[in-house]
């Protein structure tokens, strides 16, 4: 059982939905980013998604793209992102960490070396948005064999014919993208999301966590009420980009988490 599996078992036993927060590693700099990550569990975050900055983030909107650019300009590397997880684990051995991003940095690091290093750093799962199921032998299967969850994205365009392929080697949870398009582009609507979550649940026992387009405690609660939890990324990253102090960003996150937990 991974930390992700354990967290969902704990939440289910408590009758609570999950709140997942995404932050870009190294944005606006390593120390500030580490301070924010360390503060997330105390703000009610159940699972941390740690973004791996990349030069060509095709699935991300402007907010995440700019965060990645700031991180790269500040010298953030995949090695430093793993070091950040290692540092976090010195004080927290229970909060799951999912690394999210693109395959190129992992490929350049070397898949086998990356999986050893990620496991040693206390990483629990991976979301690699540009590796389709047809490429599972590249990273997905090796990651599962190494004891890491490989979390797949399902979208409004993932029809019933495609869905089984998407789900076949997915573990940990399914990340349902609530809108068609890039991160931060539109608002999530529970009325649209609910039937899609039901459709996916008919084909898997995995928790369904919904992200994209969630910017307020109210939307966090509404989305979590029709799923197993909510993910917020762009709204958090945007606060940090605007110069909001980490303590105030964490207060914002606490409101979002309270919204999901009250669903």
C-alpha atoms as a PDB file:
ATOM      1  CA  UNK A   1       0.000   0.000   0.000  1.00  0.00           C
ATOM      2  CA  UNK A   2       1.420   3.383  -0.997  1.00  0.00           C
ATOM      3  CA  UNK A   3       0.991   6.580   1.004  1.00  0.00           C
ATOM      4  CA  UNK A   4      -1.656   7.553  -1.560  1.00  0.00           C
ATOM      5  CA  UNK A   5      -3.636   4.367  -0.930  1.00  0.00           C
ATOM      6  CA  UNK A   6      -3.288   4.868   2.825  1.00  0.00           C
ATOM      7  CA  UNK A   7      -4.467   8.476   2.613  1.00  0.00           C
ATOM      8  CA  UNK A   8      -7.616   7.567   0.704  1.00  0.00           C
ATOM      9  CA  UNK A   9      -8.346   4.729   3.140  1.00  0.00           C
ATOM     10  CA  UNK A  10      -8.003   7.213   6.004  1.00  0.00           C
ATOM     11  CA  UNK A  11     -10.260   9.776   4.314  1.00  0.00           C
ATOM     12  CA  UNK A  12     -12.883   7.163   3.452  1.00  0.00           C
ATOM     13  CA  UNK A  13     -12.935   5.932   7.047  1.00  0.00           C
ATOM     14  CA  UNK A  14     -13.472   9.519   8.194  1.00  0.00           C
ATOM     15  CA  UNK A  15     -16.177  10.156   5.582  1.00  0.00           C
ATOM     16  CA  UNK A  16     -14.144  12.990   4.053  1.00  0.00           C
ATOM     17  CA  UNK A  17     -13.257  14.022   0.529  1.00  0.00           C
ATOM     18  CA  UNK A  18      -9.660  14.706  -0.496  1.00  0.00           C
ATOM     19  CA  UNK A  19      -8.045  18.047  -1.151  1.00  0.00           C
ATOM     20  CA  UNK A  20      -5.032  18.016  -3.458  1.00  0.00           C
ATOM     21  CA  UNK A  21      -2.798  21.056  -4.030  1.00  0.00           C
ATOM     22  CA  UNK A  22      -0.434  21.606  -6.943  1.00  0.00           C
ATOM     23  CA  UNK A  23       2.615  23.844  -6.638  1.00  0.00           C
ATOM     24  CA  UNK A  24       5.491  24.383  -9.046  1.00  0.00           C
ATOM     25  CA  UNK A  25       8.788  23.279  -7.533  1.00  0.00           C
ATOM     26  CA  UNK A  26      11.246  26.164  -7.417  1.00  0.00           C
ATOM     27  CA  UNK A  27       8.720  28.962  -7.970  1.00  0.00           C
ATOM     28  CA  UNK A  28       9.537  31.761  -7.345  1.00  0.00           C
ATOM     29  CA  UNK A  29      12.734  30.284  -5.851  1.00  0.00           C
ATOM     30  CA  UNK A  30      13.809  27.094  -4.094  1.00  0.00           C
ATOM     31  CA  UNK A  31      13.537  28.327  -0.504  1.00  0.00           C
ATOM     32  CA  UNK A  32      10.135  29.988  -0.907  1.00  0.00           C
ATOM     33  CA  UNK A  33       8.818  26.947  -2.729  1.00  0.00           C
ATOM     34  CA  UNK A  34      10.072  24.589  -0.009  1.00  0.00           C
ATOM     35  CA  UNK A  35       8.505  26.774   2.691  1.00  0.00           C
ATOM     36  CA  UNK A  36       5.165  26.604   0.875  1.00  0.00           C
ATOM     37  CA  UNK A  37       5.341  22.836   0.351  1.00  0.00           C
ATOM     38  CA  UNK A  38       6.219  22.250   4.005  1.00  0.00           C
ATOM     39  CA  UNK A  39       3.222  24.341   5.057  1.00  0.00           C
ATOM     40  CA  UNK A  40       0.634  22.578   2.865  1.00  0.00           C
ATOM     41  CA  UNK A  41      -0.236  19.660   5.189  1.00  0.00           C
ATOM     42  CA  UNK A  42      -0.912  22.073   8.062  1.00  0.00           C
ATOM     43  CA  UNK A  43      -3.242  23.996   5.726  1.00  0.00           C
ATOM     44  CA  UNK A  44      -5.339  20.862   5.203  1.00  0.00           C
ATOM     45  CA  UNK A  45      -3.759  19.468   2.030  1.00  0.00           C
ATOM     46  CA  UNK A  46      -4.125  15.681   1.803  1.00  0.00           C
ATOM     47  CA  UNK A  47      -1.914  15.089  -1.254  1.00  0.00           C
ATOM     48  CA  UNK A  48       0.759  17.364  -2.708  1.00  0.00           C
ATOM     49  CA  UNK A  49       1.318  17.576  -6.460  1.00  0.00           C
ATOM     50  CA  UNK A  50       4.834  18.862  -7.049  1.00  0.00           C
ATOM     51  CA  UNK A  51       5.263  20.339 -10.489  1.00  0.00           C
ATOM     52  CA  UNK A  52       8.427  19.580 -12.456  1.00  0.00           C
ATOM     53  CA  UNK A  53       9.300  22.729 -14.437  1.00  0.00           C
ATOM     54  CA  UNK A  54       9.728  22.138 -18.160  1.00  0.00           C
ATOM     55  CA  UNK A  55      10.437  24.393 -21.121  1.00  0.00           C
ATOM     56  CA  UNK A  56       7.442  23.260 -23.212  1.00  0.00           C
ATOM     57  CA  UNK A  57       4.453  22.658 -20.896  1.00  0.00           C
ATOM     58  CA  UNK A  58       1.824  22.060 -23.592  1.00  0.00           C
ATOM     59  CA  UNK A  59      -1.093  21.214 -21.281  1.00  0.00           C
ATOM     60  CA  UNK A  60      -0.663  24.234 -19.027  1.00  0.00           C
ATOM     61  CA  UNK A  61      -2.099  27.704 -19.171  1.00  0.00           C
ATOM     62  CA  UNK A  62      -0.207  30.928 -18.710  1.00  0.00           C
ATOM     63  CA  UNK A  63      -0.113  30.817 -14.909  1.00  0.00           C
ATOM     64  CA  UNK A  64       1.634  27.444 -14.726  1.00  0.00           C
ATOM     65  CA  UNK A  65       3.787  28.167 -17.784  1.00  0.00           C
ATOM     66  CA  UNK A  66       5.134  31.352 -16.203  1.00  0.00           C
ATOM     67  CA  UNK A  67       5.704  29.547 -12.895  1.00  0.00           C
ATOM     68  CA  UNK A  68       7.792  26.975 -14.716  1.00  0.00           C
ATOM     69  CA  UNK A  69       9.764  29.683 -16.478  1.00  0.00           C
ATOM     70  CA  UNK A  70      10.469  31.451 -13.171  1.00  0.00           C
ATOM     71  CA  UNK A  71      11.578  28.181 -11.599  1.00  0.00           C
ATOM     72  CA  UNK A  72      13.879  27.300 -14.494  1.00  0.00           C
ATOM     73  CA  UNK A  73      15.328  30.827 -14.525  1.00  0.00           C
ATOM     74  CA  UNK A  74      16.038  30.424 -10.826  1.00  0.00           C
ATOM     75  CA  UNK A  75      18.017  27.258 -11.462  1.00  0.00           C
ATOM     76  CA  UNK A  76      15.409  24.630 -10.557  1.00  0.00           C
ATOM     77  CA  UNK A  77      16.229  21.193 -11.939  1.00  0.00           C
ATOM     78  CA  UNK A  78      14.720  17.735 -11.586  1.00  0.00           C
ATOM     79  CA  UNK A  79      17.524  16.916  -9.149  1.00  0.00           C
ATOM     80  CA  UNK A  80      16.593  19.952  -7.019  1.00  0.00           C
ATOM     81  CA  UNK A  81      12.918  18.949  -7.125  1.00  0.00           C
ATOM     82  CA  UNK A  82      13.838  15.519  -5.771  1.00  0.00           C
ATOM     83  CA  UNK A  83      15.989  17.238  -3.140  1.00  0.00           C
ATOM     84  CA  UNK A  84      12.968  19.307  -2.141  1.00  0.00           C
ATOM     85  CA  UNK A  85      10.955  16.133  -1.574  1.00  0.00           C
ATOM     86  CA  UNK A  86      13.815  14.665   0.465  1.00  0.00           C
ATOM     87  CA  UNK A  87      13.884  17.775   2.639  1.00  0.00           C
ATOM     88  CA  UNK A  88      10.105  17.664   3.097  1.00  0.00           C
ATOM     89  CA  UNK A  89      10.289  14.023   4.193  1.00  0.00           C
ATOM     90  CA  UNK A  90      12.561  14.923   7.126  1.00  0.00           C
ATOM     91  CA  UNK A  91       9.516  16.319   8.927  1.00  0.00           C
ATOM     92  CA  UNK A  92       6.598  14.530   7.231  1.00  0.00           C
ATOM     93  CA  UNK A  93       6.575  10.847   6.387  1.00  0.00           C
ATOM     94  CA  UNK A  94       2.838  10.498   5.753  1.00  0.00           C
ATOM     95  CA  UNK A  95       1.622  13.162   3.281  1.00  0.00           C
ATOM     96  CA  UNK A  96       1.723  11.715  -0.244  1.00  0.00           C
ATOM     97  CA  UNK A  97       3.741  13.530  -2.905  1.00  0.00           C
ATOM     98  CA  UNK A  98       2.942  13.147  -6.595  1.00  0.00           C
ATOM     99  CA  UNK A  99       5.398  14.558  -9.117  1.00  0.00           C
ATOM    100  CA  UNK A 100       3.541  16.066 -12.062  1.00  0.00           C
ATOM    101  CA  UNK A 101       4.873  17.185 -15.391  1.00  0.00           C
ATOM    102  CA  UNK A 102       6.324  15.967 -18.673  1.00  0.00           C
ATOM    103  CA  UNK A 103       8.433  13.019 -19.724  1.00  0.00           C
ATOM    104  CA  UNK A 104      11.448  14.848 -21.159  1.00  0.00           C
ATOM    105  CA  UNK A 105      13.169  15.722 -17.835  1.00  0.00           C
ATOM    106  CA  UNK A 106      12.648  12.145 -16.605  1.00  0.00           C
ATOM    107  CA  UNK A 107      13.980  10.707 -19.861  1.00  0.00           C
ATOM    108  CA  UNK A 108      17.046  12.942 -19.676  1.00  0.00           C
ATOM    109  CA  UNK A 109      17.639  11.894 -16.068  1.00  0.00           C
ATOM    110  CA  UNK A 110      17.364   8.236 -17.102  1.00  0.00           C
ATOM    111  CA  UNK A 111      14.198   6.305 -16.268  1.00  0.00           C
ATOM    112  CA  UNK A 112      15.840   3.666 -14.082  1.00  0.00           C
ATOM    113  CA  UNK A 113      17.901   6.235 -12.192  1.00  0.00           C
ATOM    114  CA  UNK A 114      14.882   8.511 -11.829  1.00  0.00           C
ATOM    115  CA  UNK A 115      12.741   5.774 -10.301  1.00  0.00           C
ATOM    116  CA  UNK A 116      15.457   4.873  -7.785  1.00  0.00           C
ATOM    117  CA  UNK A 117      15.994   8.543  -6.927  1.00  0.00           C
ATOM    118  CA  UNK A 118      12.257   9.299  -6.702  1.00  0.00           C
ATOM    119  CA  UNK A 119      11.664   6.369  -4.376  1.00  0.00           C
ATOM    120  CA  UNK A 120      14.601   7.424  -2.198  1.00  0.00           C
ATOM    121  CA  UNK A 121      13.246  10.985  -2.057  1.00  0.00           C
ATOM    122  CA  UNK A 122       9.867   9.787  -0.792  1.00  0.00           C
ATOM    123  CA  UNK A 123       7.859  10.303  -3.964  1.00  0.00           C
ATOM    124  CA  UNK A 124       4.641   8.263  -4.053  1.00  0.00           C
ATOM    125  CA  UNK A 125       3.223   8.767  -7.531  1.00  0.00           C
ATOM    126  CA  UNK A 126       3.688  10.271 -10.965  1.00  0.00           C
ATOM    127  CA  UNK A 127       1.463  12.199 -13.356  1.00  0.00           C
ATOM    128  CA  UNK A 128       3.181  12.485 -16.731  1.00  0.00           C
ATOM    129  CA  UNK A 129       0.769  14.251 -19.025  1.00  0.00           C
ATOM    130  CA  UNK A 130       2.437  13.552 -22.377  1.00  0.00           C
ATOM    131  CA  UNK A 131       2.819   9.766 -22.060  1.00  0.00           C
ATOM    132  CA  UNK A 132      -0.320   8.045 -23.419  1.00  0.00           C
ATOM    133  CA  UNK A 133      -1.262   4.472 -22.420  1.00  0.00           C
ATOM    134  CA  UNK A 134       0.291   3.193 -25.629  1.00  0.00           C
ATOM    135  CA  UNK A 135       3.676   4.175 -24.125  1.00  0.00           C
ATOM    136  CA  UNK A 136       3.167   2.405 -20.774  1.00  0.00           C
ATOM    137  CA  UNK A 137       6.357   0.368 -21.156  1.00  0.00           C
ATOM    138  CA  UNK A 138       8.374   3.616 -21.169  1.00  0.00           C
ATOM    139  CA  UNK A 139       7.628   4.677 -17.594  1.00  0.00           C
ATOM    140  CA  UNK A 140       4.234   3.561 -16.290  1.00  0.00           C
ATOM    141  CA  UNK A 141       4.993  -0.151 -15.886  1.00  0.00           C
ATOM    142  CA  UNK A 142       8.531   0.406 -14.520  1.00  0.00           C
ATOM    143  CA  UNK A 143       7.134   2.975 -12.058  1.00  0.00           C
ATOM    144  CA  UNK A 144       4.455   0.574 -10.815  1.00  0.00           C
ATOM    145  CA  UNK A 145       7.094  -2.145 -10.428  1.00  0.00           C
ATOM    146  CA  UNK A 146       9.168   0.290  -8.369  1.00  0.00           C
ATOM    147  CA  UNK A 147       6.232   0.866  -6.003  1.00  0.00           C
ATOM    148  CA  UNK A 148       5.090   4.225  -7.366  1.00  0.00           C
ATOM    149  CA  UNK A 149       1.513   4.949  -8.369  1.00  0.00           C
ATOM    150  CA  UNK A 150       1.061   6.059 -11.968  1.00  0.00           C
ATOM    151  CA  UNK A 151      -1.898   8.415 -12.136  1.00  0.00           C
ATOM    152  CA  UNK A 152      -3.631   8.984 -15.425  1.00  0.00           C
ATOM    153  CA  UNK A 153      -5.697  11.903 -16.653  1.00  0.00           C
ATOM    154  CA  UNK A 154      -9.229  11.392 -17.996  1.00  0.00           C
ATOM    155  CA  UNK A 155     -10.942  14.268 -19.797  1.00  0.00           C
ATOM    156  CA  UNK A 156     -14.362  15.218 -21.164  1.00  0.00           C
ATOM    157  CA  UNK A 157     -13.184  13.814 -24.515  1.00  0.00           C
ATOM    158  CA  UNK A 158     -12.212  10.415 -23.070  1.00  0.00           C
ATOM    159  CA  UNK A 159     -15.150   8.420 -24.422  1.00  0.00           C
ATOM    160  CA  UNK A 160     -16.324   4.984 -23.301  1.00  0.00           C
ATOM    161  CA  UNK A 161     -14.229   3.297 -25.980  1.00  0.00           C
ATOM    162  CA  UNK A 162     -11.020   5.022 -24.873  1.00  0.00           C
ATOM    163  CA  UNK A 163     -11.633   4.958 -21.109  1.00  0.00           C
ATOM    164  CA  UNK A 164     -10.672   1.288 -20.446  1.00  0.00           C
ATOM    165  CA  UNK A 165      -7.317   1.891 -22.132  1.00  0.00           C
ATOM    166  CA  UNK A 166      -6.717   4.960 -19.953  1.00  0.00           C
ATOM    167  CA  UNK A 167      -7.625   3.054 -16.795  1.00  0.00           C
ATOM    168  CA  UNK A 168      -5.824  -0.223 -17.440  1.00  0.00           C
ATOM    169  CA  UNK A 169      -2.516   0.576 -15.700  1.00  0.00           C
ATOM    170  CA  UNK A 170      -3.645   3.536 -13.596  1.00  0.00           C
ATOM    171  CA  UNK A 171      -3.235   3.355  -9.831  1.00  0.00           C
ATOM    172  CA  UNK A 172      -3.581   5.639  -6.806  1.00  0.00           C
ATOM    173  CA  UNK A 173      -6.398   7.733  -8.227  1.00  0.00           C
ATOM    174  CA  UNK A 174      -7.797   8.982 -11.511  1.00  0.00           C
ATOM    175  CA  UNK A 175      -7.350  12.699 -12.214  1.00  0.00           C
ATOM    176  CA  UNK A 176     -10.427  13.901 -14.065  1.00  0.00           C
ATOM    177  CA  UNK A 177      -9.858  17.121 -16.001  1.00  0.00           C
ATOM    178  CA  UNK A 178     -13.106  19.040 -15.598  1.00  0.00           C
ATOM    179  CA  UNK A 179     -12.799  21.208 -18.702  1.00  0.00           C
ATOM    180  CA  UNK A 180     -11.601  20.868 -22.268  1.00  0.00           C
ATOM    181  CA  UNK A 181      -8.437  22.903 -22.669  1.00  0.00           C
ATOM    182  CA  UNK A 182      -5.452  24.036 -20.642  1.00  0.00           C
ATOM    183  CA  UNK A 183      -5.027  24.647 -16.916  1.00  0.00           C
ATOM    184  CA  UNK A 184      -6.592  27.785 -15.512  1.00  0.00           C
ATOM    185  CA  UNK A 185      -8.709  28.380 -18.611  1.00  0.00           C
ATOM    186  CA  UNK A 186     -12.291  28.082 -17.385  1.00  0.00           C
ATOM    187  CA  UNK A 187     -14.435  27.397 -14.340  1.00  0.00           C
ATOM    188  CA  UNK A 188     -15.376  23.875 -13.299  1.00  0.00           C
ATOM    189  CA  UNK A 189     -19.098  23.142 -13.039  1.00  0.00           C
ATOM    190  CA  UNK A 190     -20.357  20.402 -10.703  1.00  0.00           C
ATOM    191  CA  UNK A 191     -23.388  19.825 -12.934  1.00  0.00           C
ATOM    192  CA  UNK A 192     -21.072  18.887 -15.811  1.00  0.00           C
ATOM    193  CA  UNK A 193     -18.571  16.967 -13.698  1.00  0.00           C
ATOM    194  CA  UNK A 194     -20.987  14.768 -11.719  1.00  0.00           C
ATOM    195  CA  UNK A 195     -22.242  12.598 -14.610  1.00  0.00           C
ATOM    196  CA  UNK A 196     -18.681  12.168 -15.903  1.00  0.00           C
ATOM    197  CA  UNK A 197     -17.442  10.987 -12.508  1.00  0.00           C
ATOM    198  CA  UNK A 198     -20.320   8.506 -12.380  1.00  0.00           C
ATOM    199  CA  UNK A 199     -19.401   7.258 -15.857  1.00  0.00           C
ATOM    200  CA  UNK A 200     -15.768   6.694 -14.875  1.00  0.00           C
ATOM    201  CA  UNK A 201     -16.679   5.072 -11.563  1.00  0.00           C
ATOM    202  CA  UNK A 202     -18.658   2.457 -13.496  1.00  0.00           C
ATOM    203  CA  UNK A 203     -15.315   1.239 -14.866  1.00  0.00           C
ATOM    204  CA  UNK A 204     -12.936   1.594 -11.899  1.00  0.00           C
ATOM    205  CA  UNK A 205     -12.805   1.349  -8.109  1.00  0.00           C
ATOM    206  CA  UNK A 206     -10.129   4.030  -7.935  1.00  0.00           C
ATOM    207  CA  UNK A 207     -10.925   7.417  -6.351  1.00  0.00           C
ATOM    208  CA  UNK A 208     -11.774  10.139  -8.880  1.00  0.00           C
ATOM    209  CA  UNK A 209     -10.193  13.508  -8.128  1.00  0.00           C
ATOM    210  CA  UNK A 210     -11.269  16.498 -10.187  1.00  0.00           C
ATOM    211  CA  UNK A 211      -9.037  19.382 -11.204  1.00  0.00           C
ATOM    212  CA  UNK A 212      -8.823  22.402 -13.552  1.00  0.00           C
ATOM    213  CA  UNK A 213     -11.049  25.430 -13.084  1.00  0.00           C
ATOM    214  CA  UNK A 214     -11.349  25.394  -9.260  1.00  0.00           C
ATOM    215  CA  UNK A 215     -10.513  28.749  -7.724  1.00  0.00           C
ATOM    216  CA  UNK A 216     -12.679  29.202  -4.621  1.00  0.00           C
ATOM    217  CA  UNK A 217     -13.715  27.308  -1.472  1.00  0.00           C
ATOM    218  CA  UNK A 218     -17.271  27.204  -2.840  1.00  0.00           C
ATOM    219  CA  UNK A 219     -16.231  25.541  -6.104  1.00  0.00           C
ATOM    220  CA  UNK A 220     -13.897  23.223  -4.207  1.00  0.00           C
ATOM    221  CA  UNK A 221     -16.846  22.069  -2.087  1.00  0.00           C
ATOM    222  CA  UNK A 222     -19.198  21.751  -5.056  1.00  0.00           C
ATOM    223  CA  UNK A 223     -16.735  19.674  -7.076  1.00  0.00           C
ATOM    224  CA  UNK A 224     -15.757  17.476  -4.119  1.00  0.00           C
ATOM    225  CA  UNK A 225     -19.446  16.803  -3.477  1.00  0.00           C
ATOM    226  CA  UNK A 226     -19.735  14.981  -6.835  1.00  0.00           C
ATOM    227  CA  UNK A 227     -16.271  13.339  -6.778  1.00  0.00           C
ATOM    228  CA  UNK A 228     -13.787  11.905  -4.285  1.00  0.00           C
ATOM    229  CA  UNK A 229     -11.927  15.171  -4.006  1.00  0.00           C
ATOM    230  CA  UNK A 230     -10.706  18.340  -5.680  1.00  0.00           C
ATOM    231  CA  UNK A 231      -7.364  19.577  -7.036  1.00  0.00           C
ATOM    232  CA  UNK A 232      -6.343  23.232  -7.144  1.00  0.00           C
ATOM    233  CA  UNK A 233      -3.205  24.441  -8.896  1.00  0.00           C
ATOM    234  CA  UNK A 234      -3.383  27.625 -10.952  1.00  0.00           C
ATOM    235  CA  UNK A 235      -5.228  29.603  -8.276  1.00  0.00           C
ATOM    236  CA  UNK A 236      -2.524  28.771  -5.708  1.00  0.00           C
ATOM    237  CA  UNK A 237       0.361  29.384  -8.114  1.00  0.00           C
ATOM    238  CA  UNK A 238      -1.242  32.659  -9.165  1.00  0.00           C
ATOM    239  CA  UNK A 239      -1.345  33.935  -5.579  1.00  0.00           C
ATOM    240  CA  UNK A 240       2.357  33.254  -5.181  1.00  0.00           C
ATOM    241  CA  UNK A 241       3.113  34.907  -8.528  1.00  0.00           C
ATOM    242  CA  UNK A 242       1.328  38.027  -7.376  1.00  0.00           C
ATOM    243  CA  UNK A 243       3.744  38.418  -4.487  1.00  0.00           C
ATOM    244  CA  UNK A 244       1.392  37.113  -1.810  1.00  0.00           C
ATOM    245  CA  UNK A 245       3.404  36.027   1.266  1.00  0.00           C
ATOM    246  CA  UNK A 246       3.603  32.292   1.868  1.00  0.00           C
ATOM    247  CA  UNK A 247       1.578  32.571   5.090  1.00  0.00           C
ATOM    248  CA  UNK A 248      -1.260  34.248   3.192  1.00  0.00           C
ATOM    249  CA  UNK A 249      -1.056  31.707   0.362  1.00  0.00           C
ATOM    250  CA  UNK A 250      -1.420  28.979   2.977  1.00  0.00           C
ATOM    251  CA  UNK A 251      -4.470  30.750   4.418  1.00  0.00           C
ATOM    252  CA  UNK A 252      -5.992  30.708   0.931  1.00  0.00           C
ATOM    253  CA  UNK A 253      -5.171  27.012   0.593  1.00  0.00           C
ATOM    254  CA  UNK A 254      -6.776  26.327   3.980  1.00  0.00           C
ATOM    255  CA  UNK A 255     -10.021  27.811   2.730  1.00  0.00           C
ATOM    256  CA  UNK A 256      -9.943  25.629  -0.380  1.00  0.00           C
ATOM    257  CA  UNK A 257      -9.193  22.548   1.710  1.00  0.00           C
ATOM    258  CA  UNK A 258     -12.005  23.352   4.133  1.00  0.00           C
ATOM    259  CA  UNK A 259     -14.327  23.630   1.150  1.00  0.00           C
ATOM    260  CA  UNK A 260     -13.456  20.151  -0.118  1.00  0.00           C
ATOM    261  CA  UNK A 261     -13.539  18.637   3.357  1.00  0.00           C
ATOM    262  CA  UNK A 262     -17.013  20.063   4.013  1.00  0.00           C
ATOM    263  CA  UNK A 263     -18.496  18.366   0.927  1.00  0.00           C
END
